[in-house]
Amino acid sequence: MPALSDVAWIYIILTGLYLFESLAWVSSGAVAIRSYFGRFRCPTRTHRLLGNDAGYLPTFGIAPFDATLIAESCPISVAREGVYGYVAGSLVGVDAGVDSGPASWLYCPWDRIGEIKVVDRELRLDGKMLCRLSTAGAARSLAGSLSEIAGQPQQEREVAISRFVALQFDTQPIQDRIDAWRAATRRLRFVSLLLFCWIFPVGIARYQGWLPGFSDVETIAVYLAIVLLLWWLCSGLMFYGHRRLYPGDRPQRWKLFLTSLVSPAAAMRSPDHLARRLVGISHPVAVAAAFCADDEVCQWTGRLARDLLFPKPPQGVPAESSYGTDEVAIGIVRQYREASLAALWAFAKERGFDLEPLLSQPQRDDPQAVSYCPRCHQEFSLVASRCGQCGDLPTIEYRQVDWG
């Protein structure tokens, strides 16, 4: 086996760094919306490379102008009585967020919201974790929203809560942020593509001698000069774009800038890094509505509606237990779930989605099936079965249809 040259090793290492910079860790409770050659795909069709209870690595687009949006819905239930560290709804329909059971969930009345501390990515009360978010910025944003609701007079607080829930399904602020990202990275995406093409296709062709007149040793200075020009131009445009999109986050801006100065792979993926935390706390279905086809978003909305109508109980908790024994906590979770369902219905109505076929009895695929799960529509051959995929939810018997 012939030994690899120094140049070949440089390209192998650079390719590895480029793939590493393309990876995005998605924390549990968040969803990745990724583009492939510039086209974003619905999160329900995003595959996972690997993952665990803390999160996962999704597949990614390899083009330098591809990007990842990480959408994160509110991880706590908010209602009249206060805040509870659990939500009944899941993000992708069948999958549910990972939880550790009722013993770890925390209740915070409105008169104690001021005692909540933001510790890195966590909201803590009396030293105990109320919830964990994907970034410290998202944690500060949620803490600010809760403080704003708590500051409302009691008679106006319920309106503020409804507005807080509805805002997660509001597509206009999301579209505004996406438009701002596109405007702030227009030149950056073009220059990053030039840098990618110059380093990989042109550089490899030059090294292999496929470019007559440009593969000579005398032209290496010109080639490297153009590499450095495009590389550091990417870094400068990334710094400028980050300042436009995240004016208050100077530490992260300098971190990304210095990283891109020493790594051309980071410079090539800089449009991706500017997109990842773009939308903050917003429901992923609302983020997907800005990119994906209406039929895909409609199908996902129907699945989410079924999930809210027939919520999956937490791990280790029977379906009949209503998630616990604390009546206040049960009431908060139920009220927040009802508010989320109402906001989801309003979102579907605004988009012109007909959810009725997605919520009614599904078409029977197996003639031997006699019941189905109301949440995931899995079929069963026994009456009074339970769906293990949905936390042992009781199944519903198929209605008899007269085909005559």
Protein backbone atom coordinates (compact mmCIF):
# COMPACT_ATOMS: atom_id res chain seq x y z
CA MET A 1 0.00 0.00 0.00
CA PRO A 2 1.62 3.29 -1.06
CA ALA A 3 2.21 5.90 1.60
CA LEU A 4 0.12 9.04 1.42
CA SER A 5 1.83 12.31 0.64
CA ASP A 6 1.75 15.32 2.95
CA VAL A 7 -0.74 17.05 0.65
CA ALA A 8 -3.03 14.02 0.70
CA TRP A 9 -2.96 14.00 4.50
CA ILE A 10 -3.81 17.70 4.54
CA TYR A 11 -6.89 17.04 2.43
CA ILE A 12 -7.94 14.08 4.60
CA ILE A 13 -7.64 16.15 7.78
CA LEU A 14 -9.40 19.12 6.18
CA THR A 15 -12.24 16.88 5.02
CA GLY A 16 -12.59 15.48 8.53
CA LEU A 17 -12.68 18.99 10.00
CA TYR A 18 -15.29 20.04 7.44
CA LEU A 19 -17.53 17.10 8.33
CA PHE A 20 -17.03 17.81 12.03
CA GLU A 21 -18.04 21.46 11.56
CA SER A 22 -21.17 20.24 9.73
CA LEU A 23 -22.37 18.25 12.75
CA ALA A 24 -24.90 19.81 15.08
CA TRP A 25 -25.79 18.29 18.44
CA VAL A 26 -29.54 18.63 19.04
CA SER A 27 -30.52 18.48 22.70
CA SER A 28 -33.51 16.47 23.84
CA GLY A 29 -36.61 18.61 23.44
CA ALA A 30 -35.37 20.33 20.28
CA VAL A 31 -35.71 19.52 16.57
CA ALA A 32 -33.24 20.06 13.71
CA ILE A 33 -34.50 21.48 10.41
CA ARG A 34 -31.72 20.92 7.87
CA SER A 35 -31.13 21.95 4.29
CA TYR A 36 -29.68 19.74 1.59
CA PHE A 37 -28.10 21.67 -1.28
CA GLY A 38 -30.00 24.74 -0.11
CA ARG A 39 -33.42 23.11 0.27
CA PHE A 40 -34.80 22.60 3.77
CA ARG A 41 -36.60 19.37 4.58
CA CYS A 42 -39.42 18.67 7.01
CA PRO A 43 -38.01 17.52 10.40
CA THR A 44 -40.16 14.37 10.32
CA ARG A 45 -37.96 13.14 7.43
CA THR A 46 -34.64 13.96 9.11
CA HIS A 47 -32.66 10.84 9.95
CA ARG A 48 -30.40 10.42 12.95
CA LEU A 49 -26.76 9.47 12.76
CA LEU A 50 -26.59 8.58 16.45
CA GLY A 51 -28.02 9.75 19.74
CA ASN A 52 -28.84 9.05 23.36
CA ASP A 53 -31.18 10.34 26.07
CA ALA A 54 -29.45 13.73 26.03
CA GLY A 55 -29.89 14.40 22.30
CA TYR A 56 -28.87 13.28 18.84
CA LEU A 57 -26.78 14.04 15.76
CA PRO A 58 -28.96 14.39 12.64
CA THR A 59 -27.90 13.96 9.04
CA PHE A 60 -26.64 17.12 7.35
CA GLY A 61 -26.16 18.78 3.99
CA ILE A 62 -22.61 18.82 2.67
CA ALA A 63 -22.78 22.06 0.67
CA PRO A 64 -21.14 25.06 2.37
CA PHE A 65 -24.37 27.06 2.04
CA ASP A 66 -26.41 24.34 3.78
CA ALA A 67 -27.61 25.22 7.25
CA THR A 68 -29.24 23.77 10.34
CA LEU A 69 -32.04 25.47 12.26
CA ILE A 70 -32.54 24.16 15.79
CA ALA A 71 -36.13 24.79 16.90
CA GLU A 72 -37.06 24.38 20.53
CA SER A 73 -40.55 24.60 21.98
CA CYS A 74 -41.24 25.59 25.56
CA PRO A 75 -40.07 22.76 27.89
CA ILE A 76 -42.42 23.67 30.75
CA SER A 77 -46.17 23.93 31.26
CA VAL A 78 -47.51 27.41 31.99
CA ALA A 79 -50.99 28.02 33.44
CA ARG A 80 -52.97 30.15 35.89
CA GLU A 81 -51.59 28.42 38.98
CA GLY A 82 -47.95 28.71 37.97
CA VAL A 83 -45.24 26.82 36.10
CA TYR A 84 -44.57 23.08 36.08
CA GLY A 85 -41.42 21.45 34.74
CA TYR A 86 -43.11 19.05 32.32
CA VAL A 87 -45.03 19.21 29.02
CA ALA A 88 -47.34 16.47 27.78
CA GLY A 89 -46.88 17.16 24.06
CA SER A 90 -43.98 15.79 22.02
CA LEU A 91 -42.35 17.46 19.02
CA VAL A 92 -42.26 14.90 16.25
CA GLY A 93 -45.47 13.00 16.88
CA VAL A 94 -44.36 9.48 17.75
CA ASP A 95 -41.22 10.40 19.66
CA ALA A 96 -41.56 12.07 23.03
CA GLY A 97 -39.09 14.10 25.01
CA VAL A 98 -36.99 12.21 27.52
CA ASP A 99 -38.00 12.64 31.15
CA SER A 100 -36.95 11.15 34.44
CA GLY A 101 -40.36 10.80 36.05
CA PRO A 102 -42.58 12.90 38.33
CA ALA A 103 -40.10 12.83 41.20
CA SER A 104 -37.83 15.25 39.31
CA TRP A 105 -40.50 17.69 38.11
CA LEU A 106 -40.67 21.04 39.84
CA TYR A 107 -43.62 23.36 40.51
CA CYS A 108 -43.18 27.13 40.76
CA PRO A 109 -46.09 29.46 41.67
CA TRP A 110 -46.19 32.88 40.04
CA ASP A 111 -45.21 34.72 43.21
CA ARG A 112 -41.87 32.85 43.20
CA ILE A 113 -40.90 33.41 39.57
CA GLY A 114 -38.47 36.11 40.68
CA GLU A 115 -36.50 33.45 42.60
CA ILE A 116 -35.72 31.46 39.44
CA LYS A 117 -32.03 31.61 38.58
CA VAL A 118 -30.50 31.11 35.13
CA VAL A 119 -27.49 28.82 35.51
CA ASP A 120 -25.88 28.27 32.12
CA ARG A 121 -28.62 26.45 30.14
CA GLU A 122 -30.84 25.68 33.12
CA LEU A 123 -33.61 27.44 35.04
CA ARG A 124 -33.26 26.62 38.73
CA LEU A 125 -35.46 27.16 41.77
CA ASP A 126 -34.04 26.54 45.26
CA GLY A 127 -31.07 24.87 43.61
CA LYS A 128 -33.26 22.36 41.78
CA MET A 129 -33.62 22.28 38.01
CA LEU A 130 -36.94 23.49 36.64
CA CYS A 131 -35.93 22.85 33.00
CA ARG A 132 -32.92 22.69 30.70
CA LEU A 133 -32.71 24.38 27.30
CA SER A 134 -30.32 24.01 24.40
CA THR A 135 -28.50 27.34 24.92
CA ALA A 136 -27.92 29.85 27.67
CA GLY A 137 -29.55 32.50 25.47
CA ALA A 138 -32.75 30.43 25.21
CA ALA A 139 -32.73 29.98 29.00
CA ARG A 140 -32.44 33.74 29.56
CA SER A 141 -35.20 34.38 27.00
CA LEU A 142 -37.59 31.95 28.71
CA ALA A 143 -36.80 33.38 32.14
CA GLY A 144 -37.56 36.86 30.80
CA SER A 145 -40.90 35.71 29.34
CA LEU A 146 -41.90 34.11 32.65
CA SER A 147 -40.95 37.27 34.57
CA GLU A 148 -43.04 39.34 32.16
CA ILE A 149 -46.09 37.10 32.69
CA ALA A 150 -45.58 37.09 36.46
CA GLY A 151 -45.51 40.90 36.45
CA GLN A 152 -49.01 41.09 34.97
CA PRO A 153 -52.01 41.69 37.27
CA GLN A 154 -53.70 38.42 38.15
CA GLN A 155 -56.79 39.17 36.07
CA GLU A 156 -54.63 39.83 32.98
CA ARG A 157 -52.20 36.97 33.47
CA GLU A 158 -54.32 34.40 31.66
CA VAL A 159 -54.35 36.61 28.56
CA ALA A 160 -50.57 36.93 28.77
CA ILE A 161 -50.24 33.15 29.03
CA SER A 162 -52.43 32.63 25.95
CA ARG A 163 -50.31 35.18 24.08
CA PHE A 164 -47.14 33.37 25.20
CA VAL A 165 -48.43 30.03 23.88
CA ALA A 166 -49.76 31.50 20.63
CA LEU A 167 -46.46 33.26 19.95
CA GLN A 168 -44.73 29.87 19.67
CA PHE A 169 -46.93 29.09 16.65
CA ASP A 170 -46.63 32.55 15.09
CA THR A 171 -44.81 32.17 11.78
CA GLN A 172 -44.23 35.88 11.11
CA PRO A 173 -41.41 36.48 13.65
CA ILE A 174 -39.80 33.25 12.45
CA GLN A 175 -40.01 34.36 8.83
CA ASP A 176 -38.55 37.74 9.77
CA ARG A 177 -35.56 36.08 11.45
CA ILE A 178 -35.00 33.78 8.48
CA ASP A 179 -35.16 36.70 6.07
CA ALA A 180 -32.66 38.55 8.27
CA TRP A 181 -30.31 35.54 8.16
CA ARG A 182 -30.56 35.33 4.38
CA ALA A 183 -29.82 39.04 4.03
CA ALA A 184 -26.93 38.96 6.53
CA THR A 185 -25.29 35.92 4.90
CA ARG A 186 -25.93 36.58 1.21
CA ARG A 187 -22.30 37.43 0.45
CA LEU A 188 -21.00 35.01 3.06
CA ARG A 189 -22.76 32.03 1.46
CA PHE A 190 -21.32 32.95 -1.94
CA VAL A 191 -17.77 33.44 -0.64
CA SER A 192 -17.92 30.23 1.43
CA LEU A 193 -18.92 28.34 -1.73
CA LEU A 194 -15.99 29.91 -3.61
CA LEU A 195 -13.62 28.91 -0.81
CA PHE A 196 -14.97 25.34 -0.83
CA CYS A 197 -14.58 25.04 -4.60
CA TRP A 198 -11.13 26.62 -4.57
CA ILE A 199 -9.79 24.33 -1.84
CA PHE A 200 -11.37 21.05 -2.90
CA PRO A 201 -12.14 20.75 -6.65
CA VAL A 202 -9.57 23.29 -7.83
CA GLY A 203 -6.95 22.34 -5.26
CA ILE A 204 -7.22 18.60 -5.92
CA ALA A 205 -7.19 19.14 -9.70
CA ARG A 206 -4.11 21.34 -9.36
CA TYR A 207 -2.34 18.77 -7.17
CA GLN A 208 -3.12 15.97 -9.63
CA GLY A 209 -1.82 18.01 -12.54
CA TRP A 210 -5.16 18.27 -14.30
CA LEU A 211 -4.85 22.04 -14.80
CA PRO A 212 -2.13 22.75 -17.39
CA GLY A 213 -0.26 25.93 -16.59
CA PHE A 214 -1.68 26.08 -13.07
CA SER A 215 -0.22 22.88 -11.66
CA ASP A 216 3.37 24.08 -11.68
CA VAL A 217 5.28 24.80 -8.49
CA GLU A 218 5.61 28.46 -9.52
CA THR A 219 1.83 28.96 -9.18
CA ILE A 220 1.54 27.70 -5.61
CA ALA A 221 1.97 31.22 -4.18
CA VAL A 222 -0.94 32.48 -6.27
CA TYR A 223 -3.09 29.53 -5.22
CA LEU A 224 -2.35 30.00 -1.49
CA ALA A 225 -2.87 33.76 -1.70
CA ILE A 226 -6.37 33.24 -3.10
CA VAL A 227 -7.06 30.62 -0.39
CA LEU A 228 -6.08 33.08 2.34
CA LEU A 229 -8.07 35.89 0.74
CA LEU A 230 -11.28 33.84 0.53
CA TRP A 231 -10.69 32.25 3.94
CA TRP A 232 -10.27 35.48 5.87
CA LEU A 233 -12.97 37.21 3.86
CA CYS A 234 -15.34 34.49 5.09
CA SER A 235 -14.22 35.18 8.66
CA GLY A 236 -14.85 38.91 8.29
CA LEU A 237 -18.27 38.42 6.70
CA MET A 238 -19.17 35.93 9.43
CA PHE A 239 -18.25 38.48 12.11
CA TYR A 240 -20.35 41.15 10.37
CA GLY A 241 -23.32 38.79 9.92
CA HIS A 242 -23.21 37.66 13.56
CA ARG A 243 -23.21 41.28 14.73
CA ARG A 244 -26.35 41.93 12.66
CA LEU A 245 -28.17 38.81 13.82
CA TYR A 246 -27.01 38.60 17.44
CA PRO A 247 -25.93 42.10 18.46
CA GLY A 248 -25.82 41.30 22.19
CA ASP A 249 -23.81 38.07 22.03
CA ARG A 250 -20.23 39.32 21.79
CA PRO A 251 -18.51 36.30 23.43
CA GLN A 252 -19.99 33.85 20.91
CA ARG A 253 -19.17 36.24 18.05
CA TRP A 254 -15.49 36.39 18.94
CA LYS A 255 -15.38 32.65 19.58
CA LEU A 256 -16.71 31.89 16.08
CA PHE A 257 -14.48 34.55 14.52
CA LEU A 258 -11.27 33.29 16.11
CA THR A 259 -12.17 29.69 15.29
CA SER A 260 -12.74 30.57 11.64
CA LEU A 261 -9.44 32.46 11.50
CA VAL A 262 -7.49 29.29 12.33
CA SER A 263 -9.68 26.75 10.53
CA PRO A 264 -10.78 27.08 6.91
CA ALA A 265 -13.35 24.33 7.57
CA ALA A 266 -15.05 26.54 10.19
CA ALA A 267 -14.97 29.46 7.75
CA MET A 268 -16.66 27.37 5.04
CA ARG A 269 -19.43 26.32 7.45
CA SER A 270 -19.93 29.79 8.97
CA PRO A 271 -23.40 30.34 7.35
CA ASP A 272 -24.49 27.15 9.11
CA HIS A 273 -23.17 28.33 12.49
CA LEU A 274 -25.05 31.62 12.15
CA ALA A 275 -28.34 29.77 11.51
CA ARG A 276 -28.38 27.22 14.30
CA ARG A 277 -29.75 29.40 17.13
CA LEU A 278 -31.67 31.74 14.87
CA VAL A 279 -35.29 31.08 15.90
CA GLY A 280 -34.92 30.45 19.64
CA ILE A 281 -37.99 29.16 21.47
CA SER A 282 -40.58 28.50 18.76
CA HIS A 283 -42.57 25.42 17.97
CA PRO A 284 -40.79 23.39 15.26
CA VAL A 285 -43.97 23.01 13.19
CA ALA A 286 -44.14 26.80 12.85
CA VAL A 287 -40.48 26.92 11.80
CA ALA A 288 -41.05 24.13 9.27
CA ALA A 289 -43.97 26.09 7.78
CA ALA A 290 -41.48 28.71 6.57
CA PHE A 291 -39.65 26.16 4.38
CA CYS A 292 -41.48 22.92 3.84
CA ALA A 293 -44.33 21.95 1.53
CA ASP A 294 -47.82 22.49 2.92
CA ASP A 295 -48.76 18.82 2.63
CA GLU A 296 -45.78 17.80 4.78
CA VAL A 297 -46.52 20.46 7.39
CA CYS A 298 -50.22 19.51 7.37
CA GLN A 299 -49.39 15.84 8.02
CA TRP A 300 -47.09 16.81 10.87
CA THR A 301 -49.68 19.19 12.33
CA GLY A 302 -52.21 16.35 12.36
CA ARG A 303 -49.78 14.10 14.19
CA LEU A 304 -49.11 16.82 16.75
CA ALA A 305 -52.86 17.36 17.23
CA ARG A 306 -53.34 13.63 17.91
CA ASP A 307 -50.45 13.77 20.34
CA LEU A 308 -52.09 16.62 22.27
CA LEU A 309 -55.51 14.94 22.20
CA PHE A 310 -54.07 11.60 23.33
CA PRO A 311 -50.81 12.49 25.10
CA LYS A 312 -48.19 9.86 25.74
CA PRO A 313 -47.69 9.38 29.50
CA PRO A 314 -44.18 9.75 30.94
CA GLN A 315 -41.90 6.75 31.19
CA GLY A 316 -42.87 4.46 34.05
CA VAL A 317 -46.22 6.17 34.64
CA PRO A 318 -49.43 4.27 33.79
CA ALA A 319 -51.71 5.84 31.19
CA GLU A 320 -54.58 6.02 33.71
CA SER A 321 -52.63 7.99 36.33
CA SER A 322 -52.90 11.40 34.61
CA TYR A 323 -49.13 11.88 35.03
CA GLY A 324 -49.14 12.04 38.83
CA THR A 325 -51.14 12.64 41.97
CA ASP A 326 -50.64 16.38 42.54
CA GLU A 327 -53.90 18.03 41.45
CA VAL A 328 -52.24 21.42 40.92
CA ALA A 329 -49.56 19.91 38.68
CA ILE A 330 -52.13 17.86 36.76
CA GLY A 331 -54.21 21.00 36.22
CA ILE A 332 -51.22 23.02 34.96
CA VAL A 333 -50.21 20.31 32.48
CA ARG A 334 -53.81 19.92 31.27
CA GLN A 335 -54.38 23.67 30.86
CA TYR A 336 -51.11 24.14 28.96
CA ARG A 337 -51.91 21.18 26.72
CA GLU A 338 -55.35 22.63 25.95
CA ALA A 339 -53.83 26.05 25.23
CA SER A 340 -51.24 24.45 22.94
CA LEU A 341 -53.96 22.52 21.11
CA ALA A 342 -55.98 25.72 20.63
CA ALA A 343 -52.89 27.50 19.27
CA LEU A 344 -52.19 24.55 16.97
CA TRP A 345 -55.78 24.67 15.64
CA ALA A 346 -55.40 28.41 15.00
CA PHE A 347 -52.11 27.73 13.19
CA ALA A 348 -53.79 25.06 11.03
CA LYS A 349 -56.72 27.36 10.24
CA GLU A 350 -54.37 30.19 9.26
CA ARG A 351 -52.47 27.85 6.91
CA GLY A 352 -55.69 26.41 5.46
CA PHE A 353 -55.02 22.86 6.68
CA ASP A 354 -57.86 20.35 6.88
CA LEU A 355 -56.99 18.21 9.90
CA GLU A 356 -60.25 16.30 10.08
CA PRO A 357 -59.05 13.35 7.91
CA LEU A 358 -55.89 13.12 10.01
CA LEU A 359 -57.84 12.95 13.27
CA SER A 360 -60.57 10.55 12.20
CA GLN A 361 -60.39 6.76 11.99
CA PRO A 362 -57.45 5.77 9.74
CA GLN A 363 -57.75 3.56 6.69
CA ARG A 364 -57.34 -0.07 7.70
CA ASP A 365 -54.21 -1.54 6.05
CA ASP A 366 -54.45 -5.02 7.58
CA PRO A 367 -57.85 -6.75 7.09
CA GLN A 368 -57.24 -8.68 10.33
CA ALA A 369 -56.78 -5.52 12.40
CA VAL A 370 -59.64 -4.78 14.81
CA SER A 371 -58.31 -1.75 16.70
CA TYR A 372 -55.82 1.11 16.35
CA CYS A 373 -53.85 3.51 18.52
CA PRO A 374 -55.48 6.96 18.47
CA ARG A 375 -52.08 8.64 18.77
CA CYS A 376 -49.80 6.88 16.27
CA HIS A 377 -52.47 4.98 14.24
CA GLN A 378 -50.65 1.67 14.66
CA GLU A 379 -52.98 -1.30 14.01
CA PHE A 380 -53.71 -4.18 16.39
CA SER A 381 -55.31 -7.58 15.91
CA LEU A 382 -56.89 -7.73 19.38
CA VAL A 383 -59.65 -5.66 20.94
CA ALA A 384 -58.72 -3.71 24.10
CA SER A 385 -55.03 -3.75 23.20
CA ARG A 386 -52.48 -1.24 24.42
CA CYS A 387 -49.90 0.59 22.31
CA GLY A 388 -46.48 0.08 23.84
CA GLN A 389 -45.01 2.70 21.51
CA CYS A 390 -47.29 5.34 23.03
CA GLY A 391 -46.93 4.50 26.70
CA ASP A 392 -49.56 1.73 26.86
CA LEU A 393 -52.37 3.94 25.62
CA PRO A 394 -55.62 1.96 25.16
CA THR A 395 -56.50 1.30 21.53
CA ILE A 396 -59.80 2.15 19.82
CA GLU A 397 -61.88 -0.46 18.04
CA TYR A 398 -62.46 0.09 14.32
CA ARG A 399 -66.01 1.16 13.55
CA GLN A 400 -67.93 -1.16 11.26
CA VAL A 401 -68.37 0.31 7.77
CA ASP A 402 -71.17 -0.76 5.48
CA TRP A 403 -69.54 -1.23 2.09
CA GLY A 404 -72.78 -2.26 0.36
